[in-house]
Amino acid sequence: MKKLDNLQSSPFKVVFVTCPNTIEAENIARILINNKLAACVNIINNLKSIFTWKENVEIYEESLLIIKTTEERLDQLEETIKKYHSYTVPEVIVMDIKAGNLDYLKWMVEVTT
């Protein structure tokens, strides 16, 4: 695995987004791919989330989107998620990809531009 040159912030990102169900997760994933906002979206179903919302502890079964994208697409990706997501405050967590298969990273750029 090749590490990227000592970058402060990588141009390659992984974004986590939880959705209330598979249907919404697949809908958002397709929109992101069709609009070239993501190179790939994985969906993990039957994820259990425990969190506090409006002073109550909530336990939900959710679907998790694992989205691979580029920094250039982040703002529009977040706007699109907020537009199509049913939650008032959707989870959108972004992490840098610090190392990876360079051919895959090049492909990410190709399919998102």
Protein backbone atom coordinates (compact mmCIF):
# COMPACT_ATOMS: atom_id res chain seq x y z
CA MET A 1 0.00 0.00 0.00
CA LYS A 2 1.34 3.38 -0.98
CA LYS A 3 1.16 6.29 1.43
CA LEU A 4 0.32 9.61 -0.12
CA ASP A 5 3.01 12.27 0.04
CA ASN A 6 2.97 13.92 3.47
CA LEU A 7 -0.15 15.94 2.79
CA GLN A 8 -1.77 18.03 5.51
CA SER A 9 -5.17 17.08 4.12
CA SER A 10 -5.67 14.30 1.61
CA PRO A 11 -7.73 15.06 -1.52
CA PHE A 12 -9.33 11.61 -1.10
CA LYS A 13 -12.15 11.18 1.41
CA VAL A 14 -14.35 8.55 3.02
CA VAL A 15 -17.72 9.85 4.21
CA PHE A 16 -20.02 8.04 6.66
CA VAL A 17 -23.76 8.71 6.49
CA THR A 18 -26.45 6.79 8.38
CA CYS A 19 -29.92 6.38 6.86
CA PRO A 20 -33.15 5.16 8.44
CA ASN A 21 -33.58 2.29 5.97
CA THR A 22 -32.19 0.52 2.91
CA ILE A 23 -34.53 2.26 0.47
CA GLU A 24 -33.34 5.74 1.45
CA ALA A 25 -29.72 4.57 1.56
CA GLU A 26 -29.93 3.16 -1.97
CA ASN A 27 -31.71 6.26 -3.25
CA ILE A 28 -29.05 8.60 -1.88
CA ALA A 29 -26.25 6.32 -3.12
CA ARG A 30 -27.65 6.28 -6.67
CA ILE A 31 -28.07 10.07 -6.70
CA LEU A 32 -24.46 10.55 -5.55
CA ILE A 33 -23.10 8.14 -8.17
CA ASN A 34 -25.29 9.48 -11.00
CA ASN A 35 -24.15 13.04 -10.25
CA LYS A 36 -20.46 12.04 -10.03
CA LEU A 37 -20.30 13.14 -6.40
CA ALA A 38 -18.98 9.75 -5.30
CA ALA A 39 -16.80 7.10 -6.89
CA CYS A 40 -18.32 4.26 -4.88
CA VAL A 41 -20.88 3.85 -2.11
CA ASN A 42 -21.05 0.77 0.12
CA ILE A 43 -24.22 0.13 2.10
CA ILE A 44 -24.17 -1.80 5.37
CA ASN A 45 -27.65 -2.72 6.56
CA ASN A 46 -28.92 -3.65 10.03
CA LEU A 47 -26.58 -1.30 11.84
CA LYS A 48 -27.67 -0.44 15.37
CA SER A 49 -27.17 3.18 16.45
CA ILE A 50 -27.58 4.46 20.00
CA PHE A 51 -27.62 8.22 20.53
CA THR A 52 -29.26 11.06 22.42
CA TRP A 53 -31.86 13.11 20.56
CA LYS A 54 -33.92 15.82 22.25
CA GLU A 55 -32.90 14.54 25.70
CA ASN A 56 -33.98 10.96 24.98
CA VAL A 57 -31.72 7.98 24.38
CA GLU A 58 -32.73 6.50 21.02
CA ILE A 59 -31.90 3.09 19.56
CA TYR A 60 -32.41 2.77 15.81
CA GLU A 61 -31.76 0.13 13.17
CA GLU A 62 -30.10 2.02 10.33
CA SER A 63 -28.18 1.58 7.10
CA LEU A 64 -24.68 3.01 6.83
CA LEU A 65 -23.35 4.57 3.64
CA ILE A 66 -19.57 4.42 3.22
CA ILE A 67 -18.89 6.93 0.46
CA LYS A 68 -15.58 7.33 -1.37
CA THR A 69 -15.13 10.77 -2.91
CA THR A 70 -12.72 13.64 -3.44
CA GLU A 71 -12.32 16.87 -1.51
CA GLU A 72 -13.43 18.76 -4.62
CA ARG A 73 -16.88 17.10 -4.41
CA LEU A 74 -17.46 17.38 -0.63
CA ASP A 75 -19.56 20.54 -0.46
CA GLN A 76 -21.94 19.47 -3.20
CA LEU A 77 -22.06 15.93 -1.77
CA GLU A 78 -23.12 17.26 1.65
CA GLU A 79 -25.75 19.56 0.11
CA THR A 80 -27.17 16.65 -1.88
CA ILE A 81 -27.30 14.39 1.17
CA LYS A 82 -29.13 17.07 3.17
CA LYS A 83 -31.60 17.58 0.30
CA TYR A 84 -32.59 13.91 0.00
CA HIS A 85 -32.12 12.70 3.59
CA SER A 86 -35.16 12.38 5.84
CA TYR A 87 -33.34 13.18 9.11
CA THR A 88 -33.41 16.74 10.45
CA VAL A 89 -29.68 16.48 11.18
CA PRO A 90 -28.13 13.76 9.00
CA GLU A 91 -24.79 12.33 10.06
CA VAL A 92 -22.11 13.36 7.58
CA ILE A 93 -18.66 12.41 8.91
CA VAL A 94 -15.60 12.91 6.68
CA MET A 95 -12.21 11.21 7.03
CA ASP A 96 -9.04 11.55 4.99
CA ILE A 97 -7.70 8.60 3.02
CA LYS A 98 -4.00 8.71 3.91
CA ALA A 99 -2.92 5.61 1.97
CA GLY A 100 -4.36 3.23 -0.58
CA ASN A 101 -4.06 1.52 -3.93
CA LEU A 102 -2.92 4.32 -6.23
CA ASP A 103 -4.81 2.81 -9.18
CA TYR A 104 -8.02 2.93 -7.12
CA LEU A 105 -7.38 6.54 -6.08
CA LYS A 106 -6.76 7.53 -9.72
CA TRP A 107 -10.01 5.77 -10.68
CA MET A 108 -11.83 7.78 -7.98
CA VAL A 109 -10.72 11.00 -9.66
CA GLU A 110 -11.67 9.73 -13.13
CA VAL A 111 -15.24 8.81 -12.21
CA THR A 112 -15.95 11.96 -10.18
CA THR A 113 -14.82 14.47 -12.80
